[in-house]
Amino acid sequence: MKILSLLRTSTFQLAIMYMVLFATSVFILMGFIYWATAGYMSSQTDETIEAEIIGLAEQYQRQGLNGLISVIRERVARDPNGKAIYLFTARDFIKLAGNISKWPEDGEVQEGWLNFTLGENLGWPGEESRPARARVFIVPGGLRLLVGRDVNEFMAVKQLVERAINFGMGITFALAMLGGIMMSRSTAKRVELINQTSQRIMQGNLSIRIPDRGTNDDFDQLARNLNEMLDRIVQLMEGIRHISDNIAHDLRTPLTRLRNQLENTL
C-alpha cells in the first residue's frame, strides 16, 4: 500500500491524535520532573549561600572587620579548591579577602543575585570557565561581601535532564509514529480486503464471502454481518426465481390453448 494512501487513513489519523496526546502527557511529566529537579537544586544552592551570608554577618557583629577577614581567609585556606566563593572588598573594590581576585564585571543581576563566570580573569584555579551564582552583602561602612557557589555541577545536571527530555520526546514521537504506521497498515489491509470482496460481489459473483480471521474483533463481526446479509439476499433472489418459474409454468398451458385457438381461427 502506498505511503500517501496510508497516511490518509482514519486509523493513522487516530493514531497521530493519540500520539500527540501521549507526547503531551510525557512532555508535561518530564517538564514537571525537570522543574522539580532544577528548582530543588537551585533552592539548595541559594539556601547554602544565604546561610553562609548569615553566618559571616554574625561573625562580623561579634569580631568586627578583622574577625570577618580572618574567618573568610580561614575558610578559603581550609578548602582552596571547594565550591564556595568569597570576595570581601573595600569601598573602591580593593580586595581584602577571598578566593577570587576582583569583582566580577560581566555578571548578570537577577533579583539581588549575581550570575557570572569564573575563570582566569577572576583568579579562579582551573583551565575551564565555570558558571557561578552569588549574592552581595553590604557591610556597614560601605564594604562589600560577595558570597557564592560554583554551580558548574548544577548546570551539568540541568543540561543532562534537558538532553534526557529531548531524547525521550524524540523516542516517544518515533515510537508513536512507528506504532501508528503499523496499526494503519494492519487495519488498511483488512479494509482493502473487504473492499475487494465487495467489488467482486457487485460484479455479480454472489458465491464468495468476506473472510474473517477468527479473532472476533470489529472487522470479524462486520464480515459476518455482511456475509449473513449476502446469504439473505441470495435466499430472496432464489425465492423470486422460484416464484417466477411457477408463474411461467402456470401461464404456459393457457397460453398454449390460446395459441391453438388462434391458429384454428386463422
Protein backbone atom coordinates (compact mmCIF):
# COMPACT_ATOMS: atom_id res chain seq x y z
CA MET A 1 0.00 0.00 0.00
CA LYS A 2 1.29 3.45 -0.87
CA ILE A 3 2.51 5.65 1.95
CA LEU A 4 0.32 8.59 0.94
CA SER A 5 -2.82 6.48 0.94
CA LEU A 6 -1.75 5.04 4.28
CA LEU A 7 -1.32 8.49 5.77
CA ARG A 8 -4.84 9.43 4.69
CA THR A 9 -6.47 6.55 6.54
CA SER A 10 -8.62 7.33 9.55
CA THR A 11 -6.66 4.80 11.61
CA PHE A 12 -3.40 6.65 11.03
CA GLN A 13 -5.04 9.98 11.84
CA LEU A 14 -6.45 8.49 15.03
CA ALA A 15 -3.01 7.12 15.90
CA ILE A 16 -1.50 10.56 15.31
CA MET A 17 -4.08 12.11 17.61
CA TYR A 18 -3.26 9.62 20.36
CA MET A 19 0.44 10.19 19.69
CA VAL A 20 0.03 13.92 20.23
CA LEU A 21 -1.98 13.32 23.40
CA PHE A 22 0.57 10.83 24.73
CA ALA A 23 3.52 13.03 23.80
CA THR A 24 1.89 15.99 25.51
CA SER A 25 1.42 13.92 28.66
CA VAL A 26 5.05 12.78 28.54
CA PHE A 27 6.22 16.35 27.94
CA ILE A 28 4.22 17.63 30.92
CA LEU A 29 5.56 14.82 33.13
CA MET A 30 9.16 15.38 32.07
CA GLY A 31 8.72 19.14 32.39
CA PHE A 32 7.50 18.68 35.95
CA ILE A 33 10.46 16.42 36.73
CA TYR A 34 12.82 19.00 35.23
CA TRP A 35 11.17 21.84 37.13
CA ALA A 36 11.23 19.91 40.40
CA THR A 37 14.85 18.75 39.98
CA ALA A 38 16.28 22.06 38.80
CA GLY A 39 14.18 24.02 41.26
CA TYR A 40 15.26 21.86 44.17
CA MET A 41 18.97 22.10 43.30
CA SER A 42 18.72 25.84 42.71
CA SER A 43 16.93 26.41 46.00
CA GLN A 44 19.53 24.29 47.81
CA THR A 45 22.31 26.41 46.32
CA ASP A 46 20.57 29.66 47.26
CA GLU A 47 19.86 28.43 50.78
CA THR A 48 23.51 27.45 51.23
CA ILE A 49 24.65 30.90 50.11
CA GLU A 50 22.11 32.61 52.37
CA ALA A 51 23.24 30.51 55.32
CA GLU A 52 26.88 31.45 54.71
CA ILE A 53 25.99 35.15 54.48
CA ILE A 54 24.09 34.97 57.76
CA GLY A 55 27.00 33.18 59.42
CA LEU A 56 29.55 35.72 58.16
CA ALA A 57 27.30 38.60 59.25
CA GLU A 58 27.19 37.14 62.75
CA GLN A 59 30.96 36.80 62.72
CA TYR A 60 31.26 40.47 61.75
CA GLN A 61 28.95 41.54 64.56
CA ARG A 62 30.96 39.54 67.12
CA GLN A 63 34.53 40.02 65.93
CA GLY A 64 34.40 43.11 63.74
CA LEU A 65 36.15 43.76 60.45
CA ASN A 66 39.38 41.94 61.23
CA GLY A 67 37.47 38.96 62.55
CA LEU A 68 35.40 38.73 59.35
CA ILE A 69 38.56 38.86 57.24
CA SER A 70 40.14 36.13 59.35
CA VAL A 71 37.07 33.88 59.03
CA ILE A 72 37.00 34.29 55.24
CA ARG A 73 40.73 33.55 54.93
CA GLU A 74 40.35 30.54 57.18
CA ARG A 75 37.51 29.13 55.07
CA VAL A 76 39.43 29.68 51.85
CA ALA A 77 42.57 28.07 53.26
CA ARG A 78 40.60 25.12 54.61
CA ASP A 79 39.04 24.34 51.22
CA PRO A 80 41.02 26.12 48.47
CA ASN A 81 39.50 24.06 45.64
CA GLY A 82 35.99 23.95 47.02
CA LYS A 83 32.73 25.21 45.57
CA ALA A 84 32.39 28.23 47.86
CA ILE A 85 33.26 31.68 46.51
CA TYR A 86 34.21 34.62 48.75
CA LEU A 87 35.26 38.16 48.00
CA PHE A 88 35.42 40.92 50.61
CA THR A 89 36.29 44.36 49.22
CA ALA A 90 36.63 47.93 50.38
CA ARG A 91 34.57 50.78 49.01
CA ASP A 92 36.77 51.10 45.94
CA PHE A 93 36.51 47.32 45.29
CA ILE A 94 40.04 46.66 46.56
CA LYS A 95 40.27 43.04 47.68
CA LEU A 96 40.58 42.47 51.42
CA ALA A 97 39.99 38.70 51.47
CA GLY A 98 38.56 35.94 49.29
CA ASN A 99 39.43 33.32 46.70
CA ILE A 100 38.78 35.42 43.59
CA SER A 101 40.98 38.34 42.62
CA LYS A 102 38.44 41.01 41.70
CA TRP A 103 34.79 41.89 41.49
CA PRO A 104 33.07 40.20 38.52
CA GLU A 105 32.23 42.86 35.96
CA ASP A 106 30.34 40.68 33.47
CA GLY A 107 27.81 39.41 35.97
CA GLU A 108 24.07 39.46 35.42
CA VAL A 109 22.00 40.67 38.35
CA GLN A 110 18.61 38.96 38.86
CA GLU A 111 16.51 39.80 41.92
CA GLY A 112 19.55 40.52 44.05
CA TRP A 113 21.51 37.51 42.79
CA LEU A 114 24.64 37.80 40.69
CA ASN A 115 25.28 35.23 37.96
CA PHE A 116 28.75 35.34 36.44
CA THR A 117 31.52 33.18 35.00
CA LEU A 118 34.54 32.01 36.93
CA GLY A 119 37.80 31.93 35.04
CA GLU A 120 41.37 33.06 34.93
CA ASN A 121 40.26 36.69 34.75
CA LEU A 122 38.99 36.36 38.34
CA GLY A 123 41.97 34.35 39.52
CA TRP A 124 39.93 31.14 39.82
CA PRO A 125 42.04 27.96 39.62
CA GLY A 126 41.37 25.74 36.65
CA GLU A 127 41.55 25.95 32.90
CA GLU A 128 37.84 25.96 32.11
CA SER A 129 35.37 28.75 32.73
CA ARG A 130 32.67 27.76 35.16
CA PRO A 131 29.28 29.30 35.92
CA ALA A 132 28.79 30.77 39.38
CA ARG A 133 25.99 32.27 41.41
CA ALA A 134 26.47 34.69 44.29
CA ARG A 135 24.83 37.29 46.48
CA VAL A 136 26.17 40.61 47.70
CA PHE A 137 26.02 41.68 51.33
CA ILE A 138 26.76 45.30 52.19
CA VAL A 139 28.80 45.58 55.37
CA PRO A 140 28.44 48.79 57.41
CA GLY A 141 30.95 51.32 56.20
CA GLY A 142 30.37 50.68 52.50
CA LEU A 143 32.30 47.41 52.40
CA ARG A 144 31.01 44.71 50.10
CA LEU A 145 30.92 41.00 50.73
CA LEU A 146 30.25 38.63 47.84
CA VAL A 147 29.36 35.05 48.76
CA GLY A 148 28.62 32.48 46.09
CA ARG A 149 28.95 28.95 44.84
CA ASP A 150 30.39 27.22 41.82
CA VAL A 151 27.26 25.90 40.06
CA ASN A 152 29.02 24.00 37.30
CA GLU A 153 27.72 20.64 38.54
CA PHE A 154 24.22 22.02 38.85
CA MET A 155 24.33 23.32 35.27
CA ALA A 156 25.72 19.97 34.08
CA VAL A 157 22.84 18.12 35.73
CA LYS A 158 20.39 20.64 34.31
CA GLN A 159 21.76 20.12 30.80
CA LEU A 160 21.67 16.35 31.31
CA VAL A 161 17.99 16.50 32.27
CA GLU A 162 17.28 18.73 29.26
CA ARG A 163 19.01 16.28 26.93
CA ALA A 164 17.10 13.42 28.52
CA ILE A 165 13.81 15.26 27.95
CA ASN A 166 14.67 15.99 24.32
CA PHE A 167 15.87 12.44 23.74
CA GLY A 168 12.80 11.00 25.45
CA MET A 169 10.45 13.17 23.40
CA GLY A 170 12.23 12.12 20.21
CA ILE A 171 11.88 8.43 21.12
CA THR A 172 8.23 8.97 22.05
CA PHE A 173 7.42 10.57 18.70
CA ALA A 174 9.38 7.93 16.78
CA LEU A 175 7.71 5.00 18.56
CA ALA A 176 4.29 6.61 18.27
CA MET A 177 4.80 7.22 14.56
CA LEU A 178 6.01 3.65 14.03
CA GLY A 179 3.09 2.27 16.00
CA GLY A 180 0.65 4.43 14.04
CA ILE A 181 2.04 3.20 10.73
CA MET A 182 1.91 -0.45 11.83
CA MET A 183 -1.65 -0.12 13.13
CA SER A 184 -2.72 1.70 9.99
CA ARG A 185 -1.19 -0.91 7.70
CA SER A 186 -2.90 -3.76 9.55
CA THR A 187 -6.26 -2.00 9.54
CA ALA A 188 -5.91 -0.81 5.96
CA LYS A 189 -5.19 -4.36 4.76
CA ARG A 190 -8.42 -5.66 6.27
CA VAL A 191 -10.43 -2.74 4.91
CA GLU A 192 -8.88 -3.28 1.49
CA LEU A 193 -9.79 -6.98 1.63
CA ILE A 194 -13.41 -6.11 2.40
CA ASN A 195 -13.46 -3.56 -0.44
CA GLN A 196 -12.04 -6.03 -2.97
CA THR A 197 -14.53 -8.72 -1.96
CA SER A 198 -17.38 -6.22 -2.17
CA GLN A 199 -16.31 -5.21 -5.68
CA ARG A 200 -16.31 -8.84 -6.83
CA ILE A 201 -19.78 -9.30 -5.35
CA MET A 202 -21.03 -6.17 -7.11
CA GLN A 203 -19.74 -7.62 -10.38
CA GLY A 204 -22.22 -10.49 -9.96
CA ASN A 205 -20.27 -13.17 -8.09
CA LEU A 206 -22.63 -13.77 -5.20
CA SER A 207 -20.99 -17.02 -4.15
CA ILE A 208 -17.93 -15.51 -2.49
CA ARG A 209 -17.87 -14.31 1.09
CA ILE A 210 -15.71 -11.95 3.12
CA PRO A 211 -13.12 -13.96 5.07
CA ASP A 212 -12.59 -13.45 8.78
CA ARG A 213 -9.57 -14.22 10.95
CA GLY A 214 -11.42 -15.77 13.85
CA THR A 215 -10.31 -13.06 16.26
CA ASN A 216 -13.90 -11.95 16.88
CA ASP A 217 -12.90 -8.30 16.63
CA ASP A 218 -14.87 -5.49 14.99
CA PHE A 219 -13.76 -6.46 11.49
CA ASP A 220 -14.76 -10.11 12.01
CA GLN A 221 -18.18 -9.04 13.26
CA LEU A 222 -18.55 -6.72 10.26
CA ALA A 223 -17.53 -9.54 7.91
CA ARG A 224 -20.05 -11.95 9.49
CA ASN A 225 -22.85 -9.39 9.25
CA LEU A 226 -22.06 -8.70 5.60
CA ASN A 227 -21.90 -12.44 4.85
CA GLU A 228 -25.25 -13.01 6.55
CA MET A 229 -26.70 -10.13 4.56
CA LEU A 230 -25.39 -11.71 1.34
CA ASP A 231 -26.87 -15.09 2.33
CA ARG A 232 -30.21 -13.42 2.92
CA ILE A 233 -30.04 -11.62 -0.43
CA VAL A 234 -29.25 -14.90 -2.21
CA GLN A 235 -32.20 -16.58 -0.45
CA LEU A 236 -34.54 -13.78 -1.50
CA MET A 237 -33.28 -13.97 -5.07
CA GLU A 238 -33.79 -17.76 -5.10
CA GLY A 239 -37.30 -17.22 -3.78
CA ILE A 240 -38.05 -14.68 -6.52
CA ARG A 241 -36.64 -17.05 -9.14
CA HIS A 242 -38.80 -19.92 -7.84
CA ILE A 243 -41.91 -17.75 -7.92
CA SER A 244 -41.06 -16.62 -11.46
CA ASP A 245 -40.68 -20.25 -12.58
CA ASN A 246 -44.06 -21.16 -11.07
CA ILE A 247 -45.74 -18.22 -12.75
CA ALA A 248 -44.17 -19.15 -16.07
CA HIS A 249 -45.29 -22.76 -15.67
CA ASP A 250 -48.82 -21.74 -14.76
CA LEU A 251 -49.08 -19.43 -17.75
CA ARG A 252 -47.68 -21.94 -20.23
CA THR A 253 -50.88 -24.08 -20.52
CA PRO A 254 -53.44 -21.26 -21.09
CA LEU A 255 -51.08 -19.56 -23.48
CA THR A 256 -50.72 -22.79 -25.44
CA ARG A 257 -54.50 -23.20 -25.64
CA LEU A 258 -54.92 -19.60 -26.72
CA ARG A 259 -52.30 -20.10 -29.40
CA ASN A 260 -54.07 -23.24 -30.69
CA GLN A 261 -57.41 -21.45 -30.82
CA LEU A 262 -55.87 -18.54 -32.72
CA GLU A 263 -54.27 -20.96 -35.18
CA ASN A 264 -57.63 -22.76 -35.70
CA THR A 265 -59.36 -19.48 -36.19
CA LEU A 266 -56.82 -18.42 -38.78
